[in-house]
Each structure stands twice: as structure tokens, then as C-alpha cells.
Amino acid sequence: MRPFVLIFFMVLISSLPTLSLAHAVIIQSSLDSGPVQADQPTEIHLIFNSNIEDVLSMVNLVSKGNRMHPLPIQKGKKRGELVVELPPLPPGEYALQLRVFAADGHLTEDILKFTVREAR
């Protein structure tokens, strides 16, 4: 194999980990701790693997019948954290539709399903 071809492949292989981190990925969510309590406002904390441009990002609440309602979001205290404000919701199945822009400009879209239950 020619030396320049070998160098090319070495550079390509060494850049692969960087390429795989180009999009924002949720690494932690407060939704993982259990169902949301019914009839009370709730803050959902989403932590991504990179900084998020909150001004360019959007989160919609998806309810029965695929009705979408935009939700207020703000930057959290941690790096890559977004805080989503849920209004009081009746029991049922819901989802958050996310369109977030990473600080590097890449768009990530995701859907997080969650349940709202009566307090016990």
C-alpha cells in the first residue's frame, strides 16, 4: 500500500469518533424517573451530550388525536440541559416532539413518550 493512501485511511479512521458526535443526543431525562403526576405543572429536564441553542429549538406536547401544543423551554443550569415546562395534564399517554439545534448547528428530532398518572 502506498504511504499516502495509508495516511489517508489513518486520518479518516481517527476522525470517525468526532463525526459520530455531530448531533445532540439525550443522555439523561427526568422522564426516566417514572410517570408525571396528574393535574400539576411539571418541569422536565433533558440533558444532551452537547450544548443546545435553546432559542432555535422547539418542543411540542403531543396529546390524544396527535394534537400538538408548543411548550416553553429554557436553558438549564448544566451543560447541554433544556428545561421544558409542562402544564397541568389529566391522566393519559403523551409525547414530547423535540426539534433541537446543537451548538454546532446540527438539527436533532426526537419523540419522547411518557405517561401522566394520578397521585397515589
PDB file of N, CA and C in Angstrom:
ATOM      1  N   MET A   1       0.849  -1.170   0.000  1.00  0.00           N
ATOM      2  CA  MET A   1       0.000   0.000   0.000  1.00  0.00           C
ATOM      3  C   MET A   1       0.901   1.242   0.000  1.00  0.00           C
ATOM      4  N   ARG A   2       0.542   2.216  -0.751  1.00  0.00           N
ATOM      5  CA  ARG A   2       1.340   3.443  -0.832  1.00  0.00           C
ATOM      6  C   ARG A   2       1.204   4.239   0.461  1.00  0.00           C
ATOM      7  N   PRO A   3       2.271   4.951   0.838  1.00  0.00           N
ATOM      8  CA  PRO A   3       2.238   5.685   2.104  1.00  0.00           C
ATOM      9  C   PRO A   3       1.125   6.730   2.175  1.00  0.00           C
ATOM     10  N   PHE A   4       0.850   7.466   1.103  1.00  0.00           N
ATOM     11  CA  PHE A   4      -0.190   8.496   1.168  1.00  0.00           C
ATOM     12  C   PHE A   4      -1.575   7.888   1.317  1.00  0.00           C
ATOM     13  N   VAL A   5      -1.794   6.689   0.768  1.00  0.00           N
ATOM     14  CA  VAL A   5      -3.081   6.023   0.941  1.00  0.00           C
ATOM     15  C   VAL A   5      -3.239   5.574   2.390  1.00  0.00           C
ATOM     16  N   LEU A   6      -2.170   5.056   2.956  1.00  0.00           N
ATOM     17  CA  LEU A   6      -2.202   4.633   4.357  1.00  0.00           C
ATOM     18  C   LEU A   6      -2.467   5.829   5.279  1.00  0.00           C
ATOM     19  N   ILE A   7      -1.816   6.937   5.019  1.00  0.00           N
ATOM     20  CA  ILE A   7      -2.030   8.141   5.820  1.00  0.00           C
ATOM     21  C   ILE A   7      -3.477   8.624   5.689  1.00  0.00           C
ATOM     22  N   PHE A   8      -4.021   8.591   4.474  1.00  0.00           N
ATOM     23  CA  PHE A   8      -5.414   8.994   4.244  1.00  0.00           C
ATOM     24  C   PHE A   8      -6.370   8.166   5.100  1.00  0.00           C
ATOM     25  N   PHE A   9      -6.194   6.841   5.086  1.00  0.00           N
ATOM     26  CA  PHE A   9      -7.076   5.971   5.875  1.00  0.00           C
ATOM     27  C   PHE A   9      -6.894   6.181   7.375  1.00  0.00           C
ATOM     28  N   MET A  10      -5.683   6.446   7.809  1.00  0.00           N
ATOM     29  CA  MET A  10      -5.456   6.703   9.232  1.00  0.00           C
ATOM     30  C   MET A  10      -6.159   7.986   9.670  1.00  0.00           C
ATOM     31  N   VAL A  11      -6.095   9.024   8.846  1.00  0.00           N
ATOM     32  CA  VAL A  11      -6.776  10.275   9.167  1.00  0.00           C
ATOM     33  C   VAL A  11      -8.282  10.072   9.162  1.00  0.00           C
ATOM     34  N   LEU A  12      -8.794   9.341   8.191  1.00  0.00           N
ATOM     35  CA  LEU A  12     -10.229   9.077   8.100  1.00  0.00           C
ATOM     36  C   LEU A  12     -10.719   8.312   9.326  1.00  0.00           C
ATOM     37  N   ILE A  13     -10.029   7.272   9.701  1.00  0.00           N
ATOM     38  CA  ILE A  13     -10.430   6.456  10.850  1.00  0.00           C
ATOM     39  C   ILE A  13     -10.351   7.265  12.146  1.00  0.00           C
ATOM     40  N   SER A  14      -9.321   8.097  12.288  1.00  0.00           N
ATOM     41  CA  SER A  14      -9.200   8.880  13.522  1.00  0.00           C
ATOM     42  C   SER A  14     -10.276   9.956  13.643  1.00  0.00           C
ATOM     43  N   SER A  15     -10.902  10.339  12.523  1.00  0.00           N
ATOM     44  CA  SER A  15     -11.946  11.361  12.589  1.00  0.00           C
ATOM     45  C   SER A  15     -13.332  10.769  12.814  1.00  0.00           C
ATOM     46  N   LEU A  16     -13.506   9.472  12.742  1.00  0.00           N
ATOM     47  CA  LEU A  16     -14.827   8.863  12.900  1.00  0.00           C
ATOM     48  C   LEU A  16     -15.478   9.137  14.246  1.00  0.00           C
ATOM     49  N   PRO A  17     -14.803   9.050  15.386  1.00  0.00           N
ATOM     50  CA  PRO A  17     -15.478   9.376  16.647  1.00  0.00           C
ATOM     51  C   PRO A  17     -16.013  10.799  16.678  1.00  0.00           C
ATOM     52  N   THR A  18     -15.315  11.727  16.097  1.00  0.00           N
ATOM     53  CA  THR A  18     -15.775  13.114  16.043  1.00  0.00           C
ATOM     54  C   THR A  18     -17.020  13.221  15.187  1.00  0.00           C
ATOM     55  N   LEU A  19     -17.066  12.524  14.081  1.00  0.00           N
ATOM     56  CA  LEU A  19     -18.216  12.581  13.206  1.00  0.00           C
ATOM     57  C   LEU A  19     -19.462  12.003  13.861  1.00  0.00           C
ATOM     58  N   SER A  20     -19.308  10.992  14.683  1.00  0.00           N
ATOM     59  CA  SER A  20     -20.472  10.369  15.296  1.00  0.00           C
ATOM     60  C   SER A  20     -21.095  11.237  16.390  1.00  0.00           C
ATOM     61  N   LEU A  21     -20.383  12.265  16.877  1.00  0.00           N
ATOM     62  CA  LEU A  21     -20.912  13.128  17.933  1.00  0.00           C
ATOM     63  C   LEU A  21     -21.484  14.433  17.397  1.00  0.00           C
ATOM     64  N   ALA A  22     -21.774  14.490  16.104  1.00  0.00           N
ATOM     65  CA  ALA A  22     -22.199  15.738  15.485  1.00  0.00           C
ATOM     66  C   ALA A  22     -23.627  16.135  15.834  1.00  0.00           C
ATOM     67  N   HIS A  23     -24.448  15.243  16.327  1.00  0.00           N
ATOM     68  CA  HIS A  23     -25.838  15.558  16.644  1.00  0.00           C
ATOM     69  C   HIS A  23     -26.060  15.475  18.144  1.00  0.00           C
ATOM     70  N   ALA A  24     -27.005  16.283  18.619  1.00  0.00           N
ATOM     71  CA  ALA A  24     -27.332  16.274  20.036  1.00  0.00           C
ATOM     72  C   ALA A  24     -28.127  15.012  20.366  1.00  0.00           C
ATOM     73  N   VAL A  25     -27.696  14.312  21.389  1.00  0.00           N
ATOM     74  CA  VAL A  25     -28.349  13.080  21.834  1.00  0.00           C
ATOM     75  C   VAL A  25     -28.703  13.243  23.307  1.00  0.00           C
ATOM     76  N   ILE A  26     -29.923  12.861  23.661  1.00  0.00           N
ATOM     77  CA  ILE A  26     -30.332  12.924  25.075  1.00  0.00           C
ATOM     78  C   ILE A  26     -29.582  11.848  25.839  1.00  0.00           C
ATOM     79  N   ILE A  27     -28.872  12.271  26.885  1.00  0.00           N
ATOM     80  CA  ILE A  27     -28.146  11.303  27.711  1.00  0.00           C
ATOM     81  C   ILE A  27     -28.808  11.113  29.073  1.00  0.00           C
ATOM     82  N   GLN A  28     -29.734  12.024  29.423  1.00  0.00           N
ATOM     83  CA  GLN A  28     -30.460  11.894  30.688  1.00  0.00           C
ATOM     84  C   GLN A  28     -31.767  12.672  30.582  1.00  0.00           C
ATOM     85  N   SER A  29     -32.825  12.118  31.159  1.00  0.00           N
ATOM     86  CA  SER A  29     -34.131  12.771  31.145  1.00  0.00           C
ATOM     87  C   SER A  29     -34.832  12.526  32.476  1.00  0.00           C
ATOM     88  N   SER A  30     -35.474  13.567  33.004  1.00  0.00           N
ATOM     89  CA  SER A  30     -36.235  13.384  34.238  1.00  0.00           C
ATOM     90  C   SER A  30     -37.468  12.517  34.001  1.00  0.00           C
ATOM     91  N   LEU A  31     -37.856  12.301  32.751  1.00  0.00           N
ATOM     92  CA  LEU A  31     -38.977  11.399  32.438  1.00  0.00           C
ATOM     93  C   LEU A  31     -38.628   9.943  32.755  1.00  0.00           C
ATOM     94  N   ASP A  32     -37.334   9.643  32.857  1.00  0.00           N
ATOM     95  CA  ASP A  32     -36.904   8.274  33.152  1.00  0.00           C
ATOM     96  C   ASP A  32     -37.198   7.856  34.587  1.00  0.00           C
ATOM     97  N   SER A  33     -37.492   8.823  35.452  1.00  0.00           N
ATOM     98  CA  SER A  33     -37.697   8.503  36.866  1.00  0.00           C
ATOM     99  C   SER A  33     -39.120   8.043  37.187  1.00  0.00           C
ATOM    100  N   GLY A  34     -39.991   7.973  36.195  1.00  0.00           N
ATOM    101  CA  GLY A  34     -41.347   7.494  36.439  1.00  0.00           C
ATOM    102  C   GLY A  34     -42.382   8.395  35.813  1.00  0.00           C
ATOM    103  N   PRO A  35     -43.652   8.052  36.006  1.00  0.00           N
ATOM    104  CA  PRO A  35     -44.732   8.839  35.393  1.00  0.00           C
ATOM    105  C   PRO A  35     -44.819  10.255  35.964  1.00  0.00           C
ATOM    106  N   VAL A  36     -45.353  11.131  35.162  1.00  0.00           N
ATOM    107  CA  VAL A  36     -45.613  12.511  35.570  1.00  0.00           C
ATOM    108  C   VAL A  36     -46.895  12.518  36.394  1.00  0.00           C
ATOM    109  N   GLN A  37     -46.937  13.327  37.453  1.00  0.00           N
ATOM    110  CA  GLN A  37     -48.126  13.421  38.304  1.00  0.00           C
ATOM    111  C   GLN A  37     -49.205  14.243  37.604  1.00  0.00           C
ATOM    112  N   ALA A  38     -50.429  13.798  37.699  1.00  0.00           N
ATOM    113  CA  ALA A  38     -51.561  14.468  37.054  1.00  0.00           C
ATOM    114  C   ALA A  38     -51.893  15.789  37.735  1.00  0.00           C
ATOM    115  N   ASP A  39     -52.446  16.690  36.946  1.00  0.00           N
ATOM    116  CA  ASP A  39     -53.046  17.941  37.423  1.00  0.00           C
ATOM    117  C   ASP A  39     -52.098  18.885  38.163  1.00  0.00           C
ATOM    118  N   GLN A  40     -50.811  18.843  37.855  1.00  0.00           N
ATOM    119  CA  GLN A  40     -49.881  19.804  38.423  1.00  0.00           C
ATOM    120  C   GLN A  40     -48.796  20.132  37.401  1.00  0.00           C
ATOM    121  N   PRO A  41     -48.349  21.391  37.368  1.00  0.00           N
ATOM    122  CA  PRO A  41     -47.287  21.743  36.422  1.00  0.00           C
ATOM    123  C   PRO A  41     -46.010  20.970  36.753  1.00  0.00           C
ATOM    124  N   THR A  42     -45.254  20.635  35.735  1.00  0.00           N
ATOM    125  CA  THR A  42     -44.063  19.814  35.913  1.00  0.00           C
ATOM    126  C   THR A  42     -42.933  20.346  35.035  1.00  0.00           C
ATOM    127  N   GLU A  43     -41.738  20.392  35.592  1.00  0.00           N
ATOM    128  CA  GLU A  43     -40.555  20.715  34.800  1.00  0.00           C
ATOM    129  C   GLU A  43     -39.899  19.417  34.368  1.00  0.00           C
ATOM    130  N   ILE A  44     -39.657  19.291  33.076  1.00  0.00           N
ATOM    131  CA  ILE A  44     -38.940  18.141  32.530  1.00  0.00           C
ATOM    132  C   ILE A  44     -37.526  18.605  32.212  1.00  0.00           C
ATOM    133  N   HIS A  45     -36.532  17.898  32.728  1.00  0.00           N
ATOM    134  CA  HIS A  45     -35.133  18.236  32.476  1.00  0.00           C
ATOM    135  C   HIS A  45     -34.566  17.234  31.474  1.00  0.00           C
ATOM    136  N   LEU A  46     -34.049  17.760  30.376  1.00  0.00           N
ATOM    137  CA  LEU A  46     -33.427  16.945  29.334  1.00  0.00           C
ATOM    138  C   LEU A  46     -31.965  17.361  29.232  1.00  0.00           C
ATOM    139  N   ILE A  47     -31.062  16.401  29.334  1.00  0.00           N
ATOM    140  CA  ILE A  47     -29.642  16.710  29.239  1.00  0.00           C
ATOM    141  C   ILE A  47     -29.091  16.034  27.982  1.00  0.00           C
ATOM    142  N   PHE A  48     -28.456  16.835  27.148  1.00  0.00           N
ATOM    143  CA  PHE A  48     -27.901  16.380  25.878  1.00  0.00           C
ATOM    144  C   PHE A  48     -26.382  16.264  25.981  1.00  0.00           C
ATOM    145  N   ASN A  49     -25.798  15.562  25.026  1.00  0.00           N
ATOM    146  CA  ASN A  49     -24.356  15.368  25.012  1.00  0.00           C
ATOM    147  C   ASN A  49     -23.596  16.574  24.460  1.00  0.00           C
ATOM    148  N   SER A  50     -24.303  17.636  24.089  1.00  0.00           N
ATOM    149  CA  SER A  50     -23.656  18.853  23.596  1.00  0.00           C
ATOM    150  C   SER A  50     -24.514  20.056  23.973  1.00  0.00           C
ATOM    151  N   ASN A  51     -23.951  21.225  23.863  1.00  0.00           N
ATOM    152  CA  ASN A  51     -24.723  22.446  24.139  1.00  0.00           C
ATOM    153  C   ASN A  51     -25.846  22.587  23.123  1.00  0.00           C
ATOM    154  N   ILE A  52     -26.959  23.183  23.559  1.00  0.00           N
ATOM    155  CA  ILE A  52     -28.151  23.337  22.729  1.00  0.00           C
ATOM    156  C   ILE A  52     -28.450  24.822  22.552  1.00  0.00           C
ATOM    157  N   GLU A  53     -28.834  25.184  21.337  1.00  0.00           N
ATOM    158  CA  GLU A  53     -29.290  26.546  21.049  1.00  0.00           C
ATOM    159  C   GLU A  53     -30.778  26.598  21.388  1.00  0.00           C
ATOM    160  N   ASP A  54     -31.103  27.005  22.607  1.00  0.00           N
ATOM    161  CA  ASP A  54     -32.497  26.973  23.059  1.00  0.00           C
ATOM    162  C   ASP A  54     -33.392  27.924  22.269  1.00  0.00           C
ATOM    163  N   VAL A  55     -32.851  29.031  21.783  1.00  0.00           N
ATOM    164  CA  VAL A  55     -33.655  29.997  21.035  1.00  0.00           C
ATOM    165  C   VAL A  55     -34.125  29.412  19.695  1.00  0.00           C
ATOM    166  N   LEU A  56     -33.332  28.518  19.117  1.00  0.00           N
ATOM    167  CA  LEU A  56     -33.670  27.912  17.825  1.00  0.00           C
ATOM    168  C   LEU A  56     -34.407  26.586  17.967  1.00  0.00           C
ATOM    169  N   SER A  57     -34.525  26.085  19.187  1.00  0.00           N
ATOM    170  CA  SER A  57     -35.118  24.768  19.419  1.00  0.00           C
ATOM    171  C   SER A  57     -36.600  24.878  19.751  1.00  0.00           C
ATOM    172  N   MET A  58     -37.318  23.764  19.550  1.00  0.00           N
ATOM    173  CA  MET A  58     -38.765  23.707  19.794  1.00  0.00           C
ATOM    174  C   MET A  58     -39.133  22.384  20.453  1.00  0.00           C
ATOM    175  N   VAL A  59     -40.099  22.449  21.363  1.00  0.00           N
ATOM    176  CA  VAL A  59     -40.667  21.241  21.961  1.00  0.00           C
ATOM    177  C   VAL A  59     -42.178  21.389  21.918  1.00  0.00           C
ATOM    178  N   ASN A  60     -42.839  20.364  21.377  1.00  0.00           N
ATOM    179  CA  ASN A  60     -44.300  20.327  21.327  1.00  0.00           C
ATOM    180  C   ASN A  60     -44.810  19.195  22.196  1.00  0.00           C
ATOM    181  N   LEU A  61     -45.914  19.452  22.907  1.00  0.00           N
ATOM    182  CA  LEU A  61     -46.623  18.398  23.619  1.00  0.00           C
ATOM    183  C   LEU A  61     -47.574  17.762  22.622  1.00  0.00           C
ATOM    184  N   VAL A  62     -47.505  16.442  22.501  1.00  0.00           N
ATOM    185  CA  VAL A  62     -48.412  15.713  21.622  1.00  0.00           C
ATOM    186  C   VAL A  62     -49.388  14.958  22.505  1.00  0.00           C
ATOM    187  N   SER A  63     -50.685  15.252  22.326  1.00  0.00           N
ATOM    188  CA  SER A  63     -51.716  14.613  23.134  1.00  0.00           C
ATOM    189  C   SER A  63     -52.623  13.776  22.233  1.00  0.00           C
ATOM    190  N   LYS A  64     -53.626  13.173  22.837  1.00  0.00           N
ATOM    191  CA  LYS A  64     -54.549  12.289  22.127  1.00  0.00           C
ATOM    192  C   LYS A  64     -55.051  12.949  20.844  1.00  0.00           C
ATOM    193  N   GLY A  65     -55.095  12.177  19.772  1.00  0.00           N
ATOM    194  CA  GLY A  65     -55.516  12.701  18.479  1.00  0.00           C
ATOM    195  C   GLY A  65     -54.408  13.437  17.747  1.00  0.00           C
ATOM    196  N   ASN A  66     -53.168  13.252  18.203  1.00  0.00           N
ATOM    197  CA  ASN A  66     -51.998  13.917  17.620  1.00  0.00           C
ATOM    198  C   ASN A  66     -52.102  15.439  17.646  1.00  0.00           C
ATOM    199  N   ARG A  67     -52.770  15.979  18.654  1.00  0.00           N
ATOM    200  CA  ARG A  67     -52.827  17.434  18.811  1.00  0.00           C
ATOM    201  C   ARG A  67     -51.511  17.918  19.400  1.00  0.00           C
ATOM    202  N   MET A  68     -50.959  18.966  18.803  1.00  0.00           N
ATOM    203  CA  MET A  68     -49.667  19.489  19.249  1.00  0.00           C
ATOM    204  C   MET A  68     -49.823  20.862  19.868  1.00  0.00           C
ATOM    205  N   HIS A  69     -49.115  21.050  20.980  1.00  0.00           N
ATOM    206  CA  HIS A  69     -49.125  22.313  21.708  1.00  0.00           C
ATOM    207  C   HIS A  69     -47.670  22.702  21.975  1.00  0.00           C
ATOM    208  N   PRO A  70     -47.224  23.877  21.506  1.00  0.00           N
ATOM    209  CA  PRO A  70     -45.842  24.289  21.801  1.00  0.00           C
ATOM    210  C   PRO A  70     -45.663  24.532  23.296  1.00  0.00           C
ATOM    211  N   LEU A  71     -44.508  24.150  23.793  1.00  0.00           N
ATOM    212  CA  LEU A  71     -44.202  24.304  25.219  1.00  0.00           C
ATOM    213  C   LEU A  71     -43.041  25.262  25.418  1.00  0.00           C
ATOM    214  N   PRO A  72     -43.068  26.024  26.513  1.00  0.00           N
ATOM    215  CA  PRO A  72     -41.932  26.903  26.807  1.00  0.00           C
ATOM    216  C   PRO A  72     -40.711  26.078  27.227  1.00  0.00           C
ATOM    217  N   ILE A  73     -39.556  26.488  26.724  1.00  0.00           N
ATOM    218  CA  ILE A  73     -38.301  25.831  27.104  1.00  0.00           C
ATOM    219  C   ILE A  73     -37.292  26.906  27.504  1.00  0.00           C
ATOM    220  N   GLN A  74     -36.338  26.488  28.311  1.00  0.00           N
ATOM    221  CA  GLN A  74     -35.255  27.383  28.703  1.00  0.00           C
ATOM    222  C   GLN A  74     -34.001  26.557  28.959  1.00  0.00           C
ATOM    223  N   LYS A  75     -32.867  27.226  28.944  1.00  0.00           N
ATOM    224  CA  LYS A  75     -31.613  26.545  29.271  1.00  0.00           C
ATOM    225  C   LYS A  75     -31.616  26.168  30.738  1.00  0.00           C
ATOM    226  N   GLY A  76     -31.068  25.007  31.010  1.00  0.00           N
ATOM    227  CA  GLY A  76     -30.921  24.579  32.393  1.00  0.00           C
ATOM    228  C   GLY A  76     -29.598  25.054  32.969  1.00  0.00           C
ATOM    229  N   LYS A  77     -29.291  24.605  34.169  1.00  0.00           N
ATOM    230  CA  LYS A  77     -28.058  25.009  34.847  1.00  0.00           C
ATOM    231  C   LYS A  77     -26.849  24.195  34.390  1.00  0.00           C
ATOM    232  N   LYS A  78     -27.091  22.981  33.910  1.00  0.00           N
ATOM    233  CA  LYS A  78     -25.998  22.108  33.483  1.00  0.00           C
ATOM    234  C   LYS A  78     -25.711  22.312  31.997  1.00  0.00           C
ATOM    235  N   ARG A  79     -24.518  21.925  31.582  1.00  0.00           N
ATOM    236  CA  ARG A  79     -24.141  21.979  30.174  1.00  0.00           C
ATOM    237  C   ARG A  79     -25.076  21.064  29.380  1.00  0.00           C
ATOM    238  N   GLY A  80     -25.643  21.561  28.287  1.00  0.00           N
ATOM    239  CA  GLY A  80     -26.499  20.758  27.425  1.00  0.00           C
ATOM    240  C   GLY A  80     -27.885  20.477  27.985  1.00  0.00           C
ATOM    241  N   GLU A  81     -28.300  21.208  29.012  1.00  0.00           N
ATOM    242  CA  GLU A  81     -29.597  20.946  29.653  1.00  0.00           C
ATOM    243  C   GLU A  81     -30.675  21.900  29.129  1.00  0.00           C
ATOM    244  N   LEU A  82     -31.826  21.327  28.798  1.00  0.00           N
ATOM    245  CA  LEU A  82     -33.028  22.090  28.488  1.00  0.00           C
ATOM    246  C   LEU A  82     -34.080  21.759  29.527  1.00  0.00           C
ATOM    247  N   VAL A  83     -34.840  22.772  29.935  1.00  0.00           N
ATOM    248  CA  VAL A  83     -35.937  22.580  30.875  1.00  0.00           C
ATOM    249  C   VAL A  83     -37.224  22.889  30.125  1.00  0.00           C
ATOM    250  N   VAL A  84     -38.131  21.906  30.115  1.00  0.00           N
ATOM    251  CA  VAL A  84     -39.410  22.021  29.418  1.00  0.00           C
ATOM    252  C   VAL A  84     -40.494  22.137  30.481  1.00  0.00           C
ATOM    253  N   GLU A  85     -41.370  23.121  30.316  1.00  0.00           N
ATOM    254  CA  GLU A  85     -42.437  23.337  31.292  1.00  0.00           C
ATOM    255  C   GLU A  85     -43.738  22.700  30.799  1.00  0.00           C
ATOM    256  N   LEU A  86     -44.180  21.653  31.504  1.00  0.00           N
ATOM    257  CA  LEU A  86     -45.452  21.004  31.187  1.00  0.00           C
ATOM    258  C   LEU A  86     -46.573  21.675  31.978  1.00  0.00           C
ATOM    259  N   PRO A  87     -47.695  21.938  31.336  1.00  0.00           N
ATOM    260  CA  PRO A  87     -48.846  22.444  32.087  1.00  0.00           C
ATOM    261  C   PRO A  87     -49.479  21.299  32.874  1.00  0.00           C
ATOM    262  N   PRO A  88     -50.407  21.595  33.791  1.00  0.00           N
ATOM    263  CA  PRO A  88     -51.136  20.511  34.456  1.00  0.00           C
ATOM    264  C   PRO A  88     -51.865  19.679  33.401  1.00  0.00           C
ATOM    265  N   LEU A  89     -51.706  18.364  33.479  1.00  0.00           N
ATOM    266  CA  LEU A  89     -52.291  17.460  32.484  1.00  0.00           C
ATOM    267  C   LEU A  89     -53.158  16.401  33.165  1.00  0.00           C
ATOM    268  N   PRO A  90     -54.252  16.013  32.517  1.00  0.00           N
ATOM    269  CA  PRO A  90     -55.029  14.889  33.046  1.00  0.00           C
ATOM    270  C   PRO A  90     -54.287  13.576  32.764  1.00  0.00           C
ATOM    271  N   PRO A  91     -54.655  12.510  33.487  1.00  0.00           N
ATOM    272  CA  PRO A  91     -54.007  11.225  33.239  1.00  0.00           C
ATOM    273  C   PRO A  91     -54.142  10.816  31.776  1.00  0.00           C
ATOM    274  N   GLY A  92     -53.106  10.134  31.287  1.00  0.00           N
ATOM    275  CA  GLY A  92     -53.124   9.652  29.909  1.00  0.00           C
ATOM    276  C   GLY A  92     -51.728   9.479  29.358  1.00  0.00           C
ATOM    277  N   GLU A  93     -51.690   9.155  28.067  1.00  0.00           N
ATOM    278  CA  GLU A  93     -50.437   8.950  27.352  1.00  0.00           C
ATOM    279  C   GLU A  93     -50.134  10.194  26.524  1.00  0.00           C
ATOM    280  N   TYR A  94     -48.890  10.642  26.572  1.00  0.00           N
ATOM    281  CA  TYR A  94     -48.457  11.851  25.874  1.00  0.00           C
ATOM    282  C   TYR A  94     -47.089  11.609  25.251  1.00  0.00           C
ATOM    283  N   ALA A  95     -46.632  12.611  24.503  1.00  0.00           N
ATOM    284  CA  ALA A  95     -45.280  12.577  23.952  1.00  0.00           C
ATOM    285  C   ALA A  95     -44.760  14.001  23.845  1.00  0.00           C
ATOM    286  N   LEU A  96     -43.441  14.123  23.864  1.00  0.00           N
ATOM    287  CA  LEU A  96     -42.778  15.381  23.573  1.00  0.00           C
ATOM    288  C   LEU A  96     -42.115  15.225  22.208  1.00  0.00           C
ATOM    289  N   GLN A  97     -42.432  16.122  21.301  1.00  0.00           N
ATOM    290  CA  GLN A  97     -41.787  16.141  19.994  1.00  0.00           C
ATOM    291  C   GLN A  97     -40.691  17.208  20.059  1.00  0.00           C
ATOM    292  N   LEU A  98     -39.441  16.778  19.885  1.00  0.00           N
ATOM    293  CA  LEU A  98     -38.293  17.673  20.029  1.00  0.00           C
ATOM    294  C   LEU A  98     -37.685  17.999  18.673  1.00  0.00           C
ATOM    295  N   ARG A  99     -37.360  19.256  18.483  1.00  0.00           N
ATOM    296  CA  ARG A  99     -36.538  19.738  17.367  1.00  0.00           C
ATOM    297  C   ARG A  99     -35.499  20.646  17.995  1.00  0.00           C
ATOM    298  N   VAL A 100     -34.318  20.106  18.221  1.00  0.00           N
ATOM    299  CA  VAL A 100     -33.283  20.872  18.905  1.00  0.00           C
ATOM    300  C   VAL A 100     -32.070  21.063  18.000  1.00  0.00           C
ATOM    301  N   PHE A 101     -31.485  22.234  18.133  1.00  0.00           N
ATOM    302  CA  PHE A 101     -30.266  22.551  17.398  1.00  0.00           C
ATOM    303  C   PHE A 101     -29.093  22.504  18.358  1.00  0.00           C
ATOM    304  N   ALA A 102     -28.117  21.683  18.013  1.00  0.00           N
ATOM    305  CA  ALA A 102     -26.884  21.650  18.785  1.00  0.00           C
ATOM    306  C   ALA A 102     -26.096  22.925  18.498  1.00  0.00           C
ATOM    307  N   ALA A 103     -25.199  23.265  19.394  1.00  0.00           N
ATOM    308  CA  ALA A 103     -24.392  24.476  19.223  1.00  0.00           C
ATOM    309  C   ALA A 103     -23.575  24.423  17.934  1.00  0.00           C
ATOM    310  N   ASP A 104     -23.294  23.214  17.433  1.00  0.00           N
ATOM    311  CA  ASP A 104     -22.544  23.097  16.175  1.00  0.00           C
ATOM    312  C   ASP A 104     -23.440  23.246  14.947  1.00  0.00           C
ATOM    313  N   GLY A 105     -24.759  23.506  15.167  1.00  0.00           N
ATOM    314  CA  GLY A 105     -25.670  23.770  14.058  1.00  0.00           C
ATOM    315  C   GLY A 105     -26.444  22.570  13.547  1.00  0.00           C
ATOM    316  N   HIS A 106     -26.201  21.381  14.074  1.00  0.00           N
ATOM    317  CA  HIS A 106     -26.920  20.201  13.615  1.00  0.00           C
ATOM    318  C   HIS A 106     -28.299  20.105  14.261  1.00  0.00           C
ATOM    319  N   LEU A 107     -29.293  19.750  13.465  1.00  0.00           N
ATOM    320  CA  LEU A 107     -30.666  19.571  13.928  1.00  0.00           C
ATOM    321  C   LEU A 107     -30.876  18.131  14.370  1.00  0.00           C
ATOM    322  N   THR A 108     -31.511  17.967  15.524  1.00  0.00           N
ATOM    323  CA  THR A 108     -31.898  16.646  16.009  1.00  0.00           C
ATOM    324  C   THR A 108     -33.396  16.659  16.267  1.00  0.00           C
ATOM    325  N   GLU A 109     -34.079  15.643  15.759  1.00  0.00           N
ATOM    326  CA  GLU A 109     -35.503  15.486  16.025  1.00  0.00           C
ATOM    327  C   GLU A 109     -35.703  14.173  16.773  1.00  0.00           C
ATOM    328  N   ASP A 110     -36.597  14.210  17.753  1.00  0.00           N
ATOM    329  CA  ASP A 110     -36.838  13.018  18.568  1.00  0.00           C
ATOM    330  C   ASP A 110     -38.239  13.097  19.144  1.00  0.00           C
ATOM    331  N   ILE A 111     -38.749  11.959  19.579  1.00  0.00           N
ATOM    332  CA  ILE A 111     -40.045  11.890  20.257  1.00  0.00           C
ATOM    333  C   ILE A 111     -39.850  11.090  21.543  1.00  0.00           C
ATOM    334  N   LEU A 112     -40.292  11.678  22.659  1.00  0.00           N
ATOM    335  CA  LEU A 112     -40.230  11.011  23.955  1.00  0.00           C
ATOM    336  C   LEU A 112     -41.643  10.756  24.443  1.00  0.00           C
ATOM    337  N   LYS A 113     -41.985   9.500  24.602  1.00  0.00           N
ATOM    338  CA  LYS A 113     -43.323   9.158  25.108  1.00  0.00           C
ATOM    339  C   LYS A 113     -43.275   9.114  26.637  1.00  0.00           C
ATOM    340  N   PHE A 114     -44.385   9.525  27.256  1.00  0.00           N
ATOM    341  CA  PHE A 114     -44.471   9.475  28.702  1.00  0.00           C
ATOM    342  C   PHE A 114     -45.923   9.320  29.137  1.00  0.00           C
ATOM    343  N   THR A 115     -46.090   8.949  30.409  1.00  0.00           N
ATOM    344  CA  THR A 115     -47.407   8.713  30.983  1.00  0.00           C
ATOM    345  C   THR A 115     -47.659   9.705  32.110  1.00  0.00           C
ATOM    346  N   VAL A 116     -48.902  10.165  32.183  1.00  0.00           N
ATOM    347  CA  VAL A 116     -49.347  11.011  33.310  1.00  0.00           C
ATOM    348  C   VAL A 116     -50.320  10.168  34.126  1.00  0.00           C
ATOM    349  N   ARG A 117     -50.049  10.063  35.430  1.00  0.00           N
ATOM    350  CA  ARG A 117     -50.877   9.245  36.328  1.00  0.00           C
ATOM    351  C   ARG A 117     -51.336  10.053  37.514  1.00  0.00           C
ATOM    352  N   GLU A 118     -52.481   9.628  38.084  1.00  0.00           N
ATOM    353  CA  GLU A 118     -52.983  10.229  39.333  1.00  0.00           C
ATOM    354  C   GLU A 118     -51.973  10.001  40.444  1.00  0.00           C
ATOM    355  N   ALA A 119     -51.872  10.974  41.346  1.00  0.00           N
ATOM    356  CA  ALA A 119     -51.004  10.819  42.515  1.00  0.00           C
ATOM    357  C   ALA A 119     -51.573   9.740  43.419  1.00  0.00           C
ATOM    358  N   ARG A 120     -50.708   8.985  44.043  1.00  0.00           N
ATOM    359  CA  ARG A 120     -51.181   7.904  44.916  1.00  0.00           C
ATOM    360  C   ARG A 120     -51.173   8.302  46.354  1.00  0.00           C
TER     361      ARG A 120
END
